[in-house]
Amino acid sequence: MPLYETVIIARQDISTQQVEALADQMSGFITDGGGEIAKTEHWGLRNLAYKIKKNRKGHYVLMNIDAPVPAVKEMERNLLLHEDILRYMTLRVDELEEGESVMLQSRNARTTNRRDRDDEGEAETSEPVAETATTETVVEEEVTVEGEE
């Protein structure tokens, strides 16, 4: 069966539970059509690059799908009809990504790289900061030309 990645953007007004129910509903269309959902990631409420239907933010959901074409078409048809969906995009891929997507990796990296603040407001770092000085060495060579004295 072909492999797909679908990203869905839902309205900012709905709750996270409603977004999860929406993702479950769309995965139901895939499983009813004979396919399976390999992975579902909720990226959370994120800013949009431009306003879409008077919304500045949207709930993002990524679904990795292994399903026949009619099941994906049925899911897309229902995405078009659903009033809480701002945009969606389905891409056919050669292989599905293992582990977390790039969006979740960058979010997790930001949360683990934050500095802990102590009571005085000074930043504590886990790694010592080493000062490095760059020095340039200039080597002068004597050049002798044959025939000149």
C-alpha atoms as a PDB file:
ATOM      1  CA  MET A   1       0.000   0.000   0.000  1.00  0.00           C
ATOM      2  CA  PRO A   2       1.175   3.544  -0.598  1.00  0.00           C
ATOM      3  CA  LEU A   3       2.546   5.622   2.278  1.00  0.00           C
ATOM      4  CA  TYR A   4       1.305   9.145   3.060  1.00  0.00           C
ATOM      5  CA  GLU A   5       1.970  12.010   5.447  1.00  0.00           C
ATOM      6  CA  THR A   6      -0.933  14.319   6.218  1.00  0.00           C
ATOM      7  CA  VAL A   7      -0.700  17.585   8.142  1.00  0.00           C
ATOM      8  CA  ILE A   8      -3.977  19.045   9.367  1.00  0.00           C
ATOM      9  CA  ILE A   9      -4.453  22.601  10.685  1.00  0.00           C
ATOM     10  CA  ALA A  10      -7.550  23.062  12.841  1.00  0.00           C
ATOM     11  CA  ARG A  11      -9.098  26.299  14.129  1.00  0.00           C
ATOM     12  CA  GLN A  12      -7.590  27.923  17.211  1.00  0.00           C
ATOM     13  CA  ASP A  13     -10.993  28.144  18.918  1.00  0.00           C
ATOM     14  CA  ILE A  14     -11.408  24.418  19.505  1.00  0.00           C
ATOM     15  CA  SER A  15      -9.888  22.615  22.486  1.00  0.00           C
ATOM     16  CA  THR A  16      -7.080  20.086  22.444  1.00  0.00           C
ATOM     17  CA  GLN A  17      -9.563  17.291  23.225  1.00  0.00           C
ATOM     18  CA  GLN A  18     -11.614  18.272  20.178  1.00  0.00           C
ATOM     19  CA  VAL A  19      -8.462  18.188  18.027  1.00  0.00           C
ATOM     20  CA  GLU A  20      -7.662  14.696  19.302  1.00  0.00           C
ATOM     21  CA  ALA A  21     -11.247  13.594  18.590  1.00  0.00           C
ATOM     22  CA  LEU A  22     -10.923  15.053  15.085  1.00  0.00           C
ATOM     23  CA  ALA A  23      -7.698  13.106  14.497  1.00  0.00           C
ATOM     24  CA  ASP A  24      -9.375   9.928  15.759  1.00  0.00           C
ATOM     25  CA  GLN A  25     -12.317  10.538  13.434  1.00  0.00           C
ATOM     26  CA  MET A  26     -10.004  10.954  10.426  1.00  0.00           C
ATOM     27  CA  SER A  27      -8.005   7.857  11.377  1.00  0.00           C
ATOM     28  CA  GLY A  28     -11.337   5.997  11.517  1.00  0.00           C
ATOM     29  CA  PHE A  29     -11.857   6.710   7.807  1.00  0.00           C
ATOM     30  CA  ILE A  30      -8.422   5.241   7.089  1.00  0.00           C
ATOM     31  CA  THR A  31      -8.954   2.081   9.140  1.00  0.00           C
ATOM     32  CA  ASP A  32     -12.442   1.570   7.661  1.00  0.00           C
ATOM     33  CA  GLY A  33     -10.883   1.772   4.196  1.00  0.00           C
ATOM     34  CA  GLY A  34      -8.382  -0.985   4.938  1.00  0.00           C
ATOM     35  CA  GLY A  35      -5.393   1.123   5.947  1.00  0.00           C
ATOM     36  CA  GLU A  36      -3.590   1.876   9.151  1.00  0.00           C
ATOM     37  CA  ILE A  37      -2.216   4.922  10.948  1.00  0.00           C
ATOM     38  CA  ALA A  38       1.470   4.403  11.697  1.00  0.00           C
ATOM     39  CA  LYS A  39       1.869   7.513  13.856  1.00  0.00           C
ATOM     40  CA  THR A  40      -0.089  10.576  14.970  1.00  0.00           C
ATOM     41  CA  GLU A  41       1.701  13.627  16.379  1.00  0.00           C
ATOM     42  CA  HIS A  42       0.042  16.656  17.908  1.00  0.00           C
ATOM     43  CA  TRP A  43       2.265  19.682  17.356  1.00  0.00           C
ATOM     44  CA  GLY A  44       0.037  21.942  19.423  1.00  0.00           C
ATOM     45  CA  LEU A  45      -1.211  25.475  18.854  1.00  0.00           C
ATOM     46  CA  ARG A  46       1.181  27.337  16.543  1.00  0.00           C
ATOM     47  CA  ASN A  47       1.235  30.676  14.779  1.00  0.00           C
ATOM     48  CA  LEU A  48       0.203  30.777  11.133  1.00  0.00           C
ATOM     49  CA  ALA A  49       2.290  32.625   8.570  1.00  0.00           C
ATOM     50  CA  TYR A  50      -0.809  34.587   7.490  1.00  0.00           C
ATOM     51  CA  LYS A  51      -4.443  34.795   8.509  1.00  0.00           C
ATOM     52  CA  ILE A  52      -6.625  31.931   7.334  1.00  0.00           C
ATOM     53  CA  LYS A  53     -10.378  32.443   7.746  1.00  0.00           C
ATOM     54  CA  LYS A  54      -9.702  35.153  10.385  1.00  0.00           C
ATOM     55  CA  ASN A  55      -7.437  32.850  12.428  1.00  0.00           C
ATOM     56  CA  ARG A  56      -3.885  33.759  13.411  1.00  0.00           C
ATOM     57  CA  LYS A  57      -3.124  30.409  15.080  1.00  0.00           C
ATOM     58  CA  GLY A  58      -3.994  26.796  14.447  1.00  0.00           C
ATOM     59  CA  HIS A  59      -3.728  23.337  15.990  1.00  0.00           C
ATOM     60  CA  TYR A  60      -1.330  21.196  13.937  1.00  0.00           C
ATOM     61  CA  VAL A  61      -1.596  17.404  13.654  1.00  0.00           C
ATOM     62  CA  LEU A  62       0.683  15.087  11.650  1.00  0.00           C
ATOM     63  CA  MET A  63      -0.529  11.649  10.601  1.00  0.00           C
ATOM     64  CA  ASN A  64       1.638   8.963   8.977  1.00  0.00           C
ATOM     65  CA  ILE A  65      -0.654   6.754   6.923  1.00  0.00           C
ATOM     66  CA  ASP A  66      -0.282   3.375   5.227  1.00  0.00           C
ATOM     67  CA  ALA A  67      -3.513   3.024   3.259  1.00  0.00           C
ATOM     68  CA  PRO A  68      -5.001   2.449  -0.186  1.00  0.00           C
ATOM     69  CA  VAL A  69      -5.876   5.469  -2.310  1.00  0.00           C
ATOM     70  CA  PRO A  70      -9.695   5.305  -1.837  1.00  0.00           C
ATOM     71  CA  ALA A  71      -9.316   5.467   1.961  1.00  0.00           C
ATOM     72  CA  VAL A  72      -7.105   8.558   1.720  1.00  0.00           C
ATOM     73  CA  LYS A  73      -9.520  10.183  -0.750  1.00  0.00           C
ATOM     74  CA  GLU A  74     -12.407   9.573   1.673  1.00  0.00           C
ATOM     75  CA  MET A  75     -10.439  11.148   4.524  1.00  0.00           C
ATOM     76  CA  GLU A  76      -9.595  14.190   2.358  1.00  0.00           C
ATOM     77  CA  ARG A  77     -13.238  14.539   1.332  1.00  0.00           C
ATOM     78  CA  ASN A  78     -14.282  14.638   4.976  1.00  0.00           C
ATOM     79  CA  LEU A  79     -11.498  17.111   5.787  1.00  0.00           C
ATOM     80  CA  LEU A  80     -12.920  19.450   3.131  1.00  0.00           C
ATOM     81  CA  LEU A  81     -16.390  19.202   4.635  1.00  0.00           C
ATOM     82  CA  HIS A  82     -15.353  19.677   8.269  1.00  0.00           C
ATOM     83  CA  GLU A  83     -15.858  23.271   9.458  1.00  0.00           C
ATOM     84  CA  ASP A  84     -13.028  23.207  12.039  1.00  0.00           C
ATOM     85  CA  ILE A  85     -10.328  22.399   9.459  1.00  0.00           C
ATOM     86  CA  LEU A  86      -8.468  25.434   8.087  1.00  0.00           C
ATOM     87  CA  ARG A  87      -6.032  23.602   5.807  1.00  0.00           C
ATOM     88  CA  TYR A  88      -4.639  20.132   5.190  1.00  0.00           C
ATOM     89  CA  MET A  89      -1.943  18.677   2.994  1.00  0.00           C
ATOM     90  CA  THR A  90      -1.405  15.041   2.071  1.00  0.00           C
ATOM     91  CA  LEU A  91       1.865  13.947   0.503  1.00  0.00           C
ATOM     92  CA  ARG A  92       2.805  10.546  -0.817  1.00  0.00           C
ATOM     93  CA  VAL A  93       6.198   9.502   0.554  1.00  0.00           C
ATOM     94  CA  ASP A  94       8.602   6.663  -0.200  1.00  0.00           C
ATOM     95  CA  GLU A  95       9.048   5.693   3.452  1.00  0.00           C
ATOM     96  CA  LEU A  96       7.619   6.810   6.755  1.00  0.00           C
ATOM     97  CA  GLU A  97       9.793   8.662   9.235  1.00  0.00           C
ATOM     98  CA  GLU A  98      10.811   6.681  12.312  1.00  0.00           C
ATOM     99  CA  GLY A  99      10.760   8.402  15.690  1.00  0.00           C
ATOM    100  CA  GLU A 100       9.740  12.003  16.235  1.00  0.00           C
ATOM    101  CA  SER A 101       9.275  14.448  13.385  1.00  0.00           C
ATOM    102  CA  VAL A 102      11.533  17.467  12.957  1.00  0.00           C
ATOM    103  CA  MET A 103       8.915  19.747  14.526  1.00  0.00           C
ATOM    104  CA  LEU A 104       8.841  17.758  17.769  1.00  0.00           C
ATOM    105  CA  GLN A 105      12.616  17.352  17.807  1.00  0.00           C
ATOM    106  CA  SER A 106      13.128  21.114  17.621  1.00  0.00           C
ATOM    107  CA  ARG A 107      10.515  21.689  20.345  1.00  0.00           C
ATOM    108  CA  ASN A 108      12.174  19.123  22.636  1.00  0.00           C
ATOM    109  CA  ALA A 109      15.615  20.601  21.969  1.00  0.00           C
ATOM    110  CA  ARG A 110      14.381  24.058  22.976  1.00  0.00           C
ATOM    111  CA  THR A 111      12.934  22.806  26.244  1.00  0.00           C
ATOM    112  CA  THR A 112      16.049  20.850  27.230  1.00  0.00           C
ATOM    113  CA  ASN A 113      18.460  23.662  26.346  1.00  0.00           C
ATOM    114  CA  ARG A 114      16.801  26.257  28.553  1.00  0.00           C
ATOM    115  CA  ARG A 115      18.891  27.617  31.353  1.00  0.00           C
ATOM    116  CA  ASP A 116      17.816  27.246  34.946  1.00  0.00           C
ATOM    117  CA  ARG A 117      17.662  30.494  36.862  1.00  0.00           C
ATOM    118  CA  ASP A 118      18.682  30.770  40.493  1.00  0.00           C
ATOM    119  CA  ASP A 119      17.170  33.156  43.029  1.00  0.00           C
ATOM    120  CA  GLU A 120      19.409  36.098  42.117  1.00  0.00           C
ATOM    121  CA  GLY A 121      18.441  35.858  38.463  1.00  0.00           C
ATOM    122  CA  GLU A 122      21.864  34.735  37.312  1.00  0.00           C
ATOM    123  CA  ALA A 123      22.016  31.981  34.756  1.00  0.00           C
ATOM    124  CA  GLU A 124      23.564  28.703  35.771  1.00  0.00           C
ATOM    125  CA  THR A 125      25.068  26.696  32.982  1.00  0.00           C
ATOM    126  CA  SER A 126      25.918  23.049  33.138  1.00  0.00           C
ATOM    127  CA  GLU A 127      28.983  23.486  30.968  1.00  0.00           C
ATOM    128  CA  PRO A 128      31.900  25.736  31.957  1.00  0.00           C
ATOM    129  CA  VAL A 129      32.596  28.500  29.515  1.00  0.00           C
ATOM    130  CA  ALA A 130      36.178  28.446  28.309  1.00  0.00           C
ATOM    131  CA  GLU A 131      37.731  31.573  26.915  1.00  0.00           C
ATOM    132  CA  THR A 132      39.730  31.027  23.803  1.00  0.00           C
ATOM    133  CA  ALA A 133      42.257  33.449  22.494  1.00  0.00           C
ATOM    134  CA  THR A 134      43.383  33.369  18.948  1.00  0.00           C
ATOM    135  CA  THR A 135      46.996  34.083  18.250  1.00  0.00           C
ATOM    136  CA  GLU A 136      48.528  34.564  14.903  1.00  0.00           C
ATOM    137  CA  THR A 137      52.110  33.597  14.274  1.00  0.00           C
ATOM    138  CA  VAL A 138      53.894  35.408  11.521  1.00  0.00           C
ATOM    139  CA  VAL A 139      56.912  33.645  10.129  1.00  0.00           C
ATOM    140  CA  GLU A 140      59.432  35.758   8.274  1.00  0.00           C
ATOM    141  CA  GLU A 141      61.738  33.971   5.930  1.00  0.00           C
ATOM    142  CA  GLU A 142      64.933  35.247   4.440  1.00  0.00           C
ATOM    143  CA  VAL A 143      64.916  35.053   0.717  1.00  0.00           C
ATOM    144  CA  THR A 144      68.180  35.051  -1.163  1.00  0.00           C
ATOM    145  CA  VAL A 145      68.314  35.510  -4.834  1.00  0.00           C
ATOM    146  CA  GLU A 146      71.185  33.893  -6.735  1.00  0.00           C
ATOM    147  CA  GLY A 147      73.530  36.250  -8.476  1.00  0.00           C
ATOM    148  CA  GLU A 148      72.946  39.163  -6.110  1.00  0.00           C
ATOM    149  CA  GLU A 149      75.259  40.068  -3.267  1.00  0.00           C
END
